[in-house]
Amino acid sequence: MNRKLVRAILASSNIELTEAEDGEAAVASCTRRPFDVILMDLKMPVMDGRQAAMQIRSSNGPNSSTPILAFSAEPDPRLEASIFDAVLTKPIRTGDLIEAIARTTGYG
């Protein structure tokens, strides 16, 4: 559901989106090509967002230092400092998402 919401929010922007169905697929995608920012739900099937982010961060791949933004219904402030560049509360609000992307990527 969150992928659909993010897609709808960013549809009017000239942004190329790559989607992953679960955490394992997200990690695999992040080993193949660099991204400007990674949007990660904490509750994903197969591998949760925290595990996926830790694997991306610990790799020597093209996204080990890419900003990762987390989505959580129950945000934990410690997550932001430990693994993620920002933690956004669900339901996702358009302004919060755009601001976090701009702030963490330096665009806008």
PDB file of N, CA and C in Angstrom:
ATOM      1  N   MET A   1       0.814  -1.179   0.000  1.00  0.00           N
ATOM      2  CA  MET A   1       0.000   0.000   0.000  1.00  0.00           C
ATOM      3  C   MET A   1       0.871   1.263   0.000  1.00  0.00           C
ATOM      4  N   ASN A   2       1.947   1.237   0.780  1.00  0.00           N
ATOM      5  CA  ASN A   2       2.819   2.406   0.842  1.00  0.00           C
ATOM      6  C   ASN A   2       3.506   2.672  -0.490  1.00  0.00           C
ATOM      7  N   ARG A   3       3.834   1.604  -1.229  1.00  0.00           N
ATOM      8  CA  ARG A   3       4.435   1.809  -2.554  1.00  0.00           C
ATOM      9  C   ARG A   3       3.461   2.540  -3.466  1.00  0.00           C
ATOM     10  N   LYS A   4       2.190   2.200  -3.404  1.00  0.00           N
ATOM     11  CA  LYS A   4       1.180   2.882  -4.231  1.00  0.00           C
ATOM     12  C   LYS A   4       1.062   4.344  -3.831  1.00  0.00           C
ATOM     13  N   LEU A   5       1.070   4.605  -2.535  1.00  0.00           N
ATOM     14  CA  LEU A   5       0.953   5.978  -2.047  1.00  0.00           C
ATOM     15  C   LEU A   5       2.158   6.811  -2.472  1.00  0.00           C
ATOM     16  N   VAL A   6       3.365   6.278  -2.309  1.00  0.00           N
ATOM     17  CA  VAL A   6       4.568   7.008  -2.717  1.00  0.00           C
ATOM     18  C   VAL A   6       4.557   7.244  -4.220  1.00  0.00           C
ATOM     19  N   ARG A   7       4.170   6.231  -4.978  1.00  0.00           N
ATOM     20  CA  ARG A   7       4.077   6.378  -6.439  1.00  0.00           C
ATOM     21  C   ARG A   7       3.113   7.501  -6.795  1.00  0.00           C
ATOM     22  N   ALA A   8       1.976   7.575  -6.113  1.00  0.00           N
ATOM     23  CA  ALA A   8       0.986   8.625  -6.384  1.00  0.00           C
ATOM     24  C   ALA A   8       1.524  10.000  -6.003  1.00  0.00           C
ATOM     25  N   ILE A   9       2.207  10.084  -4.871  1.00  0.00           N
ATOM     26  CA  ILE A   9       2.768  11.367  -4.425  1.00  0.00           C
ATOM     27  C   ILE A   9       3.815  11.872  -5.408  1.00  0.00           C
ATOM     28  N   LEU A  10       4.668  10.983  -5.889  1.00  0.00           N
ATOM     29  CA  LEU A  10       5.787  11.386  -6.738  1.00  0.00           C
ATOM     30  C   LEU A  10       5.475  11.340  -8.236  1.00  0.00           C
ATOM     31  N   ALA A  11       4.254  10.937  -8.599  1.00  0.00           N
ATOM     32  CA  ALA A  11       3.892  10.783 -10.009  1.00  0.00           C
ATOM     33  C   ALA A  11       4.030  12.063 -10.814  1.00  0.00           C
ATOM     34  N   SER A  12       3.732  13.190 -10.213  1.00  0.00           N
ATOM     35  CA  SER A  12       3.796  14.449 -10.954  1.00  0.00           C
ATOM     36  C   SER A  12       5.221  14.989 -11.065  1.00  0.00           C
ATOM     37  N   SER A  13       6.140  14.396 -10.339  1.00  0.00           N
ATOM     38  CA  SER A  13       7.543  14.817 -10.404  1.00  0.00           C
ATOM     39  C   SER A  13       8.247  14.035 -11.503  1.00  0.00           C
ATOM     40  N   ASN A  14       9.342  14.550 -11.945  1.00  0.00           N
ATOM     41  CA  ASN A  14      10.134  13.859 -12.957  1.00  0.00           C
ATOM     42  C   ASN A  14      11.135  12.945 -12.249  1.00  0.00           C
ATOM     43  N   ILE A  15      10.602  11.950 -11.534  1.00  0.00           N
ATOM     44  CA  ILE A  15      11.415  11.055 -10.728  1.00  0.00           C
ATOM     45  C   ILE A  15      11.275   9.636 -11.266  1.00  0.00           C
ATOM     46  N   GLU A  16      12.409   8.988 -11.450  1.00  0.00           N
ATOM     47  CA  GLU A  16      12.406   7.591 -11.867  1.00  0.00           C
ATOM     48  C   GLU A  16      12.319   6.725 -10.615  1.00  0.00           C
ATOM     49  N   LEU A  17      11.305   5.888 -10.539  1.00  0.00           N
ATOM     50  CA  LEU A  17      11.110   5.019  -9.382  1.00  0.00           C
ATOM     51  C   LEU A  17      11.466   3.589  -9.731  1.00  0.00           C
ATOM     52  N   THR A  18      12.107   2.921  -8.813  1.00  0.00           N
ATOM     53  CA  THR A  18      12.361   1.486  -8.897  1.00  0.00           C
ATOM     54  C   THR A  18      11.723   0.887  -7.663  1.00  0.00           C
ATOM     55  N   GLU A  19      10.884  -0.110  -7.830  1.00  0.00           N
ATOM     56  CA  GLU A  19      10.174  -0.693  -6.700  1.00  0.00           C
ATOM     57  C   GLU A  19      10.660  -2.107  -6.419  1.00  0.00           C
ATOM     58  N   ALA A  20      10.600  -2.478  -5.147  1.00  0.00           N
ATOM     59  CA  ALA A  20      10.926  -3.828  -4.718  1.00  0.00           C
ATOM     60  C   ALA A  20       9.752  -4.353  -3.900  1.00  0.00           C
ATOM     61  N   GLU A  21       9.427  -5.606  -4.088  1.00  0.00           N
ATOM     62  CA  GLU A  21       8.265  -6.197  -3.416  1.00  0.00           C
ATOM     63  C   GLU A  21       8.510  -6.535  -1.957  1.00  0.00           C
ATOM     64  N   ASP A  22       9.783  -6.705  -1.568  1.00  0.00           N
ATOM     65  CA  ASP A  22      10.108  -7.050  -0.187  1.00  0.00           C
ATOM     66  C   ASP A  22      11.538  -6.607   0.118  1.00  0.00           C
ATOM     67  N   GLY A  23      11.950  -6.800   1.356  1.00  0.00           N
ATOM     68  CA  GLY A  23      13.267  -6.354   1.774  1.00  0.00           C
ATOM     69  C   GLY A  23      14.408  -7.050   1.051  1.00  0.00           C
ATOM     70  N   GLU A  24      14.255  -8.325   0.816  1.00  0.00           N
ATOM     71  CA  GLU A  24      15.297  -9.076   0.109  1.00  0.00           C
ATOM     72  C   GLU A  24      15.475  -8.558  -1.314  1.00  0.00           C
ATOM     73  N   ALA A  25      14.359  -8.285  -1.986  1.00  0.00           N
ATOM     74  CA  ALA A  25      14.414  -7.737  -3.348  1.00  0.00           C
ATOM     75  C   ALA A  25      15.014  -6.329  -3.339  1.00  0.00           C
ATOM     76  N   ALA A  26      14.751  -5.564  -2.289  1.00  0.00           N
ATOM     77  CA  ALA A  26      15.324  -4.218  -2.178  1.00  0.00           C
ATOM     78  C   ALA A  26      16.839  -4.286  -2.067  1.00  0.00           C
ATOM     79  N   VAL A  27      17.335  -5.198  -1.238  1.00  0.00           N
ATOM     80  CA  VAL A  27      18.783  -5.355  -1.083  1.00  0.00           C
ATOM     81  C   VAL A  27      19.400  -5.775  -2.413  1.00  0.00           C
ATOM     82  N   ALA A  28      18.775  -6.726  -3.091  1.00  0.00           N
ATOM     83  CA  ALA A  28      19.294  -7.191  -4.384  1.00  0.00           C
ATOM     84  C   ALA A  28      19.344  -6.043  -5.391  1.00  0.00           C
ATOM     85  N   SER A  29      18.294  -5.239  -5.437  1.00  0.00           N
ATOM     86  CA  SER A  29      18.243  -4.107  -6.358  1.00  0.00           C
ATOM     87  C   SER A  29      19.347  -3.103  -6.041  1.00  0.00           C
ATOM     88  N   CYS A  30      19.609  -2.916  -4.760  1.00  0.00           N
ATOM     89  CA  CYS A  30      20.624  -1.943  -4.335  1.00  0.00           C
ATOM     90  C   CYS A  30      22.045  -2.411  -4.606  1.00  0.00           C
ATOM     91  N   THR A  31      22.226  -3.674  -4.905  1.00  0.00           N
ATOM     92  CA  THR A  31      23.569  -4.153  -5.261  1.00  0.00           C
ATOM     93  C   THR A  31      23.852  -3.965  -6.745  1.00  0.00           C
ATOM     94  N   ARG A  32      22.790  -3.769  -7.526  1.00  0.00           N
ATOM     95  CA  ARG A  32      22.950  -3.692  -8.982  1.00  0.00           C
ATOM     96  C   ARG A  32      23.181  -2.299  -9.535  1.00  0.00           C
ATOM     97  N   ARG A  33      22.612  -1.279  -8.891  1.00  0.00           N
ATOM     98  CA  ARG A  33      22.756   0.076  -9.429  1.00  0.00           C
ATOM     99  C   ARG A  33      22.607   1.117  -8.340  1.00  0.00           C
ATOM    100  N   PRO A  34      23.214   2.286  -8.535  1.00  0.00           N
ATOM    101  CA  PRO A  34      23.110   3.333  -7.518  1.00  0.00           C
ATOM    102  C   PRO A  34      21.766   4.067  -7.593  1.00  0.00           C
ATOM    103  N   PHE A  35      21.329   4.548  -6.447  1.00  0.00           N
ATOM    104  CA  PHE A  35      20.111   5.339  -6.340  1.00  0.00           C
ATOM    105  C   PHE A  35      20.437   6.652  -5.644  1.00  0.00           C
ATOM    106  N   ASP A  36      19.614   7.661  -5.848  1.00  0.00           N
ATOM    107  CA  ASP A  36      19.780   8.942  -5.164  1.00  0.00           C
ATOM    108  C   ASP A  36      19.264   8.872  -3.729  1.00  0.00           C
ATOM    109  N   VAL A  37      18.213   8.103  -3.520  1.00  0.00           N
ATOM    110  CA  VAL A  37      17.611   7.936  -2.195  1.00  0.00           C
ATOM    111  C   VAL A  37      16.874   6.600  -2.192  1.00  0.00           C
ATOM    112  N   ILE A  38      16.809   5.973  -1.026  1.00  0.00           N
ATOM    113  CA  ILE A  38      16.097   4.701  -0.870  1.00  0.00           C
ATOM    114  C   ILE A  38      14.981   4.931   0.139  1.00  0.00           C
ATOM    115  N   LEU A  39      13.764   4.569  -0.244  1.00  0.00           N
ATOM    116  CA  LEU A  39      12.604   4.670   0.640  1.00  0.00           C
ATOM    117  C   LEU A  39      12.293   3.263   1.132  1.00  0.00           C
ATOM    118  N   MET A  40      12.254   3.083   2.441  1.00  0.00           N
ATOM    119  CA  MET A  40      12.186   1.739   3.010  1.00  0.00           C
ATOM    120  C   MET A  40      11.110   1.656   4.077  1.00  0.00           C
ATOM    121  N   ASP A  41      10.148   0.776   3.882  1.00  0.00           N
ATOM    122  CA  ASP A  41       9.152   0.529   4.922  1.00  0.00           C
ATOM    123  C   ASP A  41       9.789  -0.398   5.951  1.00  0.00           C
ATOM    124  N   LEU A  42       9.536  -0.152   7.220  1.00  0.00           N
ATOM    125  CA  LEU A  42      10.121  -1.023   8.236  1.00  0.00           C
ATOM    126  C   LEU A  42       9.470  -2.388   8.272  1.00  0.00           C
ATOM    127  N   LYS A  43       8.202  -2.470   7.900  1.00  0.00           N
ATOM    128  CA  LYS A  43       7.491  -3.749   7.923  1.00  0.00           C
ATOM    129  C   LYS A  43       7.310  -4.243   6.496  1.00  0.00           C
ATOM    130  N   MET A  44       8.229  -5.092   6.065  1.00  0.00           N
ATOM    131  CA  MET A  44       8.155  -5.680   4.722  1.00  0.00           C
ATOM    132  C   MET A  44       8.242  -7.188   4.868  1.00  0.00           C
ATOM    133  N   PRO A  45       7.683  -7.898   3.895  1.00  0.00           N
ATOM    134  CA  PRO A  45       7.810  -9.358   3.935  1.00  0.00           C
ATOM    135  C   PRO A  45       9.237  -9.803   3.624  1.00  0.00           C
ATOM    136  N   VAL A  46       9.537 -11.037   3.946  1.00  0.00           N
ATOM    137  CA  VAL A  46      10.805 -11.727   3.717  1.00  0.00           C
ATOM    138  C   VAL A  46      11.922 -11.155   4.591  1.00  0.00           C
ATOM    139  N   MET A  47      12.203  -9.858   4.477  1.00  0.00           N
ATOM    140  CA  MET A  47      13.234  -9.199   5.280  1.00  0.00           C
ATOM    141  C   MET A  47      12.706  -7.818   5.644  1.00  0.00           C
ATOM    142  N   ASP A  48      12.728  -7.479   6.939  1.00  0.00           N
ATOM    143  CA  ASP A  48      12.176  -6.178   7.326  1.00  0.00           C
ATOM    144  C   ASP A  48      13.115  -5.040   6.929  1.00  0.00           C
ATOM    145  N   GLY A  49      12.612  -3.826   7.022  1.00  0.00           N
ATOM    146  CA  GLY A  49      13.354  -2.655   6.579  1.00  0.00           C
ATOM    147  C   GLY A  49      14.646  -2.414   7.337  1.00  0.00           C
ATOM    148  N   ARG A  50      14.645  -2.699   8.612  1.00  0.00           N
ATOM    149  CA  ARG A  50      15.857  -2.523   9.412  1.00  0.00           C
ATOM    150  C   ARG A  50      16.957  -3.474   8.934  1.00  0.00           C
ATOM    151  N   GLN A  51      16.622  -4.749   8.738  1.00  0.00           N
ATOM    152  CA  GLN A  51      17.606  -5.724   8.256  1.00  0.00           C
ATOM    153  C   GLN A  51      18.101  -5.362   6.861  1.00  0.00           C
ATOM    154  N   ALA A  52      17.169  -4.967   5.992  1.00  0.00           N
ATOM    155  CA  ALA A  52      17.547  -4.603   4.624  1.00  0.00           C
ATOM    156  C   ALA A  52      18.481  -3.399   4.627  1.00  0.00           C
ATOM    157  N   ALA A  53      18.157  -2.389   5.420  1.00  0.00           N
ATOM    158  CA  ALA A  53      19.001  -1.188   5.490  1.00  0.00           C
ATOM    159  C   ALA A  53      20.384  -1.528   6.037  1.00  0.00           C
ATOM    160  N   MET A  54      20.445  -2.386   7.042  1.00  0.00           N
ATOM    161  CA  MET A  54      21.738  -2.770   7.602  1.00  0.00           C
ATOM    162  C   MET A  54      22.588  -3.506   6.563  1.00  0.00           C
ATOM    163  N   GLN A  55      21.963  -4.359   5.750  1.00  0.00           N
ATOM    164  CA  GLN A  55      22.718  -5.051   4.705  1.00  0.00           C
ATOM    165  C   GLN A  55      23.216  -4.076   3.644  1.00  0.00           C
ATOM    166  N   ILE A  56      22.371  -3.132   3.264  1.00  0.00           N
ATOM    167  CA  ILE A  56      22.778  -2.129   2.266  1.00  0.00           C
ATOM    168  C   ILE A  56      23.924  -1.288   2.823  1.00  0.00           C
ATOM    169  N   ARG A  57      23.818  -0.856   4.067  1.00  0.00           N
ATOM    170  CA  ARG A  57      24.841  -0.025   4.697  1.00  0.00           C
ATOM    171  C   ARG A  57      26.171  -0.769   4.852  1.00  0.00           C
ATOM    172  N   SER A  58      26.118  -2.047   5.169  1.00  0.00           N
ATOM    173  CA  SER A  58      27.352  -2.797   5.436  1.00  0.00           C
ATOM    174  C   SER A  58      28.014  -3.335   4.166  1.00  0.00           C
ATOM    175  N   SER A  59      27.343  -3.193   3.046  1.00  0.00           N
ATOM    176  CA  SER A  59      27.912  -3.680   1.794  1.00  0.00           C
ATOM    177  C   SER A  59      28.927  -2.677   1.250  1.00  0.00           C
ATOM    178  N   ASN A  60      29.696  -3.124   0.314  1.00  0.00           N
ATOM    179  CA  ASN A  60      30.588  -2.222  -0.408  1.00  0.00           C
ATOM    180  C   ASN A  60      29.946  -1.831  -1.731  1.00  0.00           C
ATOM    181  N   GLY A  61      28.620  -2.007  -1.809  1.00  0.00           N
ATOM    182  CA  GLY A  61      27.888  -1.751  -3.035  1.00  0.00           C
ATOM    183  C   GLY A  61      27.685  -0.271  -3.312  1.00  0.00           C
ATOM    184  N   PRO A  62      27.007   0.011  -4.414  1.00  0.00           N
ATOM    185  CA  PRO A  62      26.835   1.397  -4.864  1.00  0.00           C
ATOM    186  C   PRO A  62      25.926   2.246  -3.986  1.00  0.00           C
ATOM    187  N   ASN A  63      25.265   1.645  -2.985  1.00  0.00           N
ATOM    188  CA  ASN A  63      24.331   2.403  -2.150  1.00  0.00           C
ATOM    189  C   ASN A  63      24.675   2.370  -0.666  1.00  0.00           C
ATOM    190  N   SER A  64      25.894   1.999  -0.328  1.00  0.00           N
ATOM    191  CA  SER A  64      26.255   1.890   1.085  1.00  0.00           C
ATOM    192  C   SER A  64      26.155   3.227   1.822  1.00  0.00           C
ATOM    193  N   SER A  65      26.273   4.335   1.105  1.00  0.00           N
ATOM    194  CA  SER A  65      26.137   5.642   1.757  1.00  0.00           C
ATOM    195  C   SER A  65      24.964   6.455   1.218  1.00  0.00           C
ATOM    196  N   THR A  66      24.113   5.832   0.429  1.00  0.00           N
ATOM    197  CA  THR A  66      22.919   6.496  -0.101  1.00  0.00           C
ATOM    198  C   THR A  66      21.940   6.783   1.044  1.00  0.00           C
ATOM    199  N   PRO A  67      21.311   7.941   1.059  1.00  0.00           N
ATOM    200  CA  PRO A  67      20.312   8.210   2.098  1.00  0.00           C
ATOM    201  C   PRO A  67      19.179   7.181   2.057  1.00  0.00           C
ATOM    202  N   ILE A  68      18.823   6.680   3.227  1.00  0.00           N
ATOM    203  CA  ILE A  68      17.705   5.741   3.350  1.00  0.00           C
ATOM    204  C   ILE A  68      16.674   6.366   4.278  1.00  0.00           C
ATOM    205  N   LEU A  69      15.461   6.518   3.766  1.00  0.00           N
ATOM    206  CA  LEU A  69      14.345   7.061   4.543  1.00  0.00           C
ATOM    207  C   LEU A  69      13.429   5.912   4.924  1.00  0.00           C
ATOM    208  N   ALA A  70      13.070   5.821   6.179  1.00  0.00           N
ATOM    209  CA  ALA A  70      12.204   4.750   6.666  1.00  0.00           C
ATOM    210  C   ALA A  70      10.787   5.252   6.860  1.00  0.00           C
ATOM    211  N   PHE A  71       9.834   4.346   6.646  1.00  0.00           N
ATOM    212  CA  PHE A  71       8.427   4.601   6.945  1.00  0.00           C
ATOM    213  C   PHE A  71       8.038   3.697   8.099  1.00  0.00           C
ATOM    214  N   SER A  72       7.381   4.270   9.111  1.00  0.00           N
ATOM    215  CA  SER A  72       6.980   3.460  10.251  1.00  0.00           C
ATOM    216  C   SER A  72       5.712   4.011  10.879  1.00  0.00           C
ATOM    217  N   ALA A  73       4.814   3.115  11.253  1.00  0.00           N
ATOM    218  CA  ALA A  73       3.609   3.516  11.977  1.00  0.00           C
ATOM    219  C   ALA A  73       3.958   3.832  13.426  1.00  0.00           C
ATOM    220  N   GLU A  74       5.049   3.253  13.914  1.00  0.00           N
ATOM    221  CA  GLU A  74       5.494   3.466  15.281  1.00  0.00           C
ATOM    222  C   GLU A  74       6.975   3.833  15.261  1.00  0.00           C
ATOM    223  N   PRO A  75       7.293   5.083  14.896  1.00  0.00           N
ATOM    224  CA  PRO A  75       8.703   5.453  14.749  1.00  0.00           C
ATOM    225  C   PRO A  75       9.470   5.401  16.065  1.00  0.00           C
ATOM    226  N   ASP A  76      10.700   4.999  15.952  1.00  0.00           N
ATOM    227  CA  ASP A  76      11.622   4.950  17.079  1.00  0.00           C
ATOM    228  C   ASP A  76      12.725   5.963  16.782  1.00  0.00           C
ATOM    229  N   PRO A  77      12.834   7.034  17.549  1.00  0.00           N
ATOM    230  CA  PRO A  77      13.830   8.074  17.251  1.00  0.00           C
ATOM    231  C   PRO A  77      15.255   7.544  17.149  1.00  0.00           C
ATOM    232  N   ARG A  78      15.539   6.449  17.813  1.00  0.00           N
ATOM    233  CA  ARG A  78      16.891   5.883  17.758  1.00  0.00           C
ATOM    234  C   ARG A  78      17.226   5.347  16.375  1.00  0.00           C
ATOM    235  N   LEU A  79      16.204   4.965  15.592  1.00  0.00           N
ATOM    236  CA  LEU A  79      16.443   4.444  14.242  1.00  0.00           C
ATOM    237  C   LEU A  79      17.100   5.488  13.352  1.00  0.00           C
ATOM    238  N   GLU A  80      16.638   6.714  13.465  1.00  0.00           N
ATOM    239  CA  GLU A  80      17.153   7.773  12.604  1.00  0.00           C
ATOM    240  C   GLU A  80      18.657   7.924  12.777  1.00  0.00           C
ATOM    241  N   ALA A  81      19.110   7.883  14.005  1.00  0.00           N
ATOM    242  CA  ALA A  81      20.535   8.082  14.270  1.00  0.00           C
ATOM    243  C   ALA A  81      21.360   6.843  13.935  1.00  0.00           C
ATOM    244  N   SER A  82      20.756   5.666  13.997  1.00  0.00           N
ATOM    245  CA  SER A  82      21.541   4.452  13.843  1.00  0.00           C
ATOM    246  C   SER A  82      21.686   3.978  12.401  1.00  0.00           C
ATOM    247  N   ILE A  83      20.609   3.907  11.666  1.00  0.00           N
ATOM    248  CA  ILE A  83      20.646   3.315  10.330  1.00  0.00           C
ATOM    249  C   ILE A  83      20.101   4.251   9.267  1.00  0.00           C
ATOM    250  N   PHE A  84      19.023   4.936   9.599  1.00  0.00           N
ATOM    251  CA  PHE A  84      18.285   5.711   8.614  1.00  0.00           C
ATOM    252  C   PHE A  84      18.632   7.193   8.681  1.00  0.00           C
ATOM    253  N   ASP A  85      18.496   7.865   7.550  1.00  0.00           N
ATOM    254  CA  ASP A  85      18.736   9.304   7.478  1.00  0.00           C
ATOM    255  C   ASP A  85      17.516  10.091   7.935  1.00  0.00           C
ATOM    256  N   ALA A  86      16.351   9.453   7.882  1.00  0.00           N
ATOM    257  CA  ALA A  86      15.108  10.054   8.374  1.00  0.00           C
ATOM    258  C   ALA A  86      14.100   8.937   8.571  1.00  0.00           C
ATOM    259  N   VAL A  87      13.193   9.143   9.514  1.00  0.00           N
ATOM    260  CA  VAL A  87      12.095   8.210   9.748  1.00  0.00           C
ATOM    261  C   VAL A  87      10.807   9.000   9.610  1.00  0.00           C
ATOM    262  N   LEU A  88       9.963   8.595   8.668  1.00  0.00           N
ATOM    263  CA  LEU A  88       8.689   9.268   8.415  1.00  0.00           C
ATOM    264  C   LEU A  88       7.561   8.443   9.009  1.00  0.00           C
ATOM    265  N   THR A  89       6.640   9.130   9.663  1.00  0.00           N
ATOM    266  CA  THR A  89       5.506   8.469  10.285  1.00  0.00           C
ATOM    267  C   THR A  89       4.439   8.156   9.250  1.00  0.00           C
ATOM    268  N   LYS A  90       3.863   6.953   9.352  1.00  0.00           N
ATOM    269  CA  LYS A  90       2.727   6.592   8.516  1.00  0.00           C
ATOM    270  C   LYS A  90       1.460   7.043   9.243  1.00  0.00           C
ATOM    271  N   PRO A  91       0.443   7.483   8.580  1.00  0.00           N
ATOM    272  CA  PRO A  91       0.357   7.583   7.120  1.00  0.00           C
ATOM    273  C   PRO A  91       1.302   8.661   6.583  1.00  0.00           C
ATOM    274  N   ILE A  92       1.856   8.381   5.446  1.00  0.00           N
ATOM    275  CA  ILE A  92       2.823   9.272   4.813  1.00  0.00           C
ATOM    276  C   ILE A  92       2.132  10.545   4.351  1.00  0.00           C
ATOM    277  N   ARG A  93       2.721  11.674   4.705  1.00  0.00           N
ATOM    278  CA  ARG A  93       2.192  12.962   4.253  1.00  0.00           C
ATOM    279  C   ARG A  93       3.091  13.499   3.152  1.00  0.00           C
ATOM    280  N   THR A  94       2.465  14.024   2.107  1.00  0.00           N
ATOM    281  CA  THR A  94       3.184  14.496   0.923  1.00  0.00           C
ATOM    282  C   THR A  94       4.304  15.460   1.274  1.00  0.00           C
ATOM    283  N   GLY A  95       4.006  16.492   2.039  1.00  0.00           N
ATOM    284  CA  GLY A  95       4.999  17.501   2.383  1.00  0.00           C
ATOM    285  C   GLY A  95       6.178  16.920   3.142  1.00  0.00           C
ATOM    286  N   ASP A  96       5.906  15.998   4.069  1.00  0.00           N
ATOM    287  CA  ASP A  96       6.985  15.379   4.843  1.00  0.00           C
ATOM    288  C   ASP A  96       7.899  14.550   3.946  1.00  0.00           C
ATOM    289  N   LEU A  97       7.305  13.811   3.016  1.00  0.00           N
ATOM    290  CA  LEU A  97       8.093  12.977   2.113  1.00  0.00           C
ATOM    291  C   LEU A  97       8.973  13.836   1.214  1.00  0.00           C
ATOM    292  N   ILE A  98       8.387  14.843   0.589  1.00  0.00           N
ATOM    293  CA  ILE A  98       9.145  15.710  -0.316  1.00  0.00           C
ATOM    294  C   ILE A  98      10.260  16.434   0.435  1.00  0.00           C
ATOM    295  N   GLU A  99       9.949  16.942   1.627  1.00  0.00           N
ATOM    296  CA  GLU A  99      10.959  17.653   2.420  1.00  0.00           C
ATOM    297  C   GLU A  99      12.102  16.728   2.820  1.00  0.00           C
ATOM    298  N   ALA A 100      11.789  15.505   3.230  1.00  0.00           N
ATOM    299  CA  ALA A 100      12.836  14.563   3.653  1.00  0.00           C
ATOM    300  C   ALA A 100      13.718  14.161   2.471  1.00  0.00           C
ATOM    301  N   ILE A 101      13.123  13.949   1.313  1.00  0.00           N
ATOM    302  CA  ILE A 101      13.911  13.621   0.123  1.00  0.00           C
ATOM    303  C   ILE A 101      14.829  14.786  -0.225  1.00  0.00           C
ATOM    304  N   ALA A 102      14.284  15.998  -0.247  1.00  0.00           N
ATOM    305  CA  ALA A 102      15.089  17.170  -0.574  1.00  0.00           C
ATOM    306  C   ALA A 102      16.223  17.385   0.435  1.00  0.00           C
ATOM    307  N   ARG A 103      15.932  17.229   1.697  1.00  0.00           N
ATOM    308  CA  ARG A 103      16.925  17.463   2.753  1.00  0.00           C
ATOM    309  C   ARG A 103      18.050  16.427   2.710  1.00  0.00           C
ATOM    310  N   THR A 104      17.698  15.165   2.531  1.00  0.00           N
ATOM    311  CA  THR A 104      18.722  14.122   2.599  1.00  0.00           C
ATOM    312  C   THR A 104      19.524  13.975   1.307  1.00  0.00           C
ATOM    313  N   THR A 105      18.965  14.404   0.185  1.00  0.00           N
ATOM    314  CA  THR A 105      19.679  14.261  -1.080  1.00  0.00           C
ATOM    315  C   THR A 105      20.373  15.551  -1.502  1.00  0.00           C
ATOM    316  N   GLY A 106      19.945  16.667  -0.922  1.00  0.00           N
ATOM    317  CA  GLY A 106      20.509  17.953  -1.311  1.00  0.00           C
ATOM    318  C   GLY A 106      19.833  18.540  -2.553  1.00  0.00           C
ATOM    319  N   TYR A 107      18.793  17.851  -3.056  1.00  0.00           N
ATOM    320  CA  TYR A 107      18.022  18.385  -4.197  1.00  0.00           C
ATOM    321  C   TYR A 107      16.920  19.279  -3.654  1.00  0.00           C
ATOM    322  N   GLY A 108      16.635  20.349  -4.376  1.00  0.00           N
ATOM    323  CA  GLY A 108      15.514  21.208  -4.029  1.00  0.00           C
ATOM    324  C   GLY A 108      15.880  22.138  -2.958  1.00  0.00           C
TER     325      GLY A 108
END
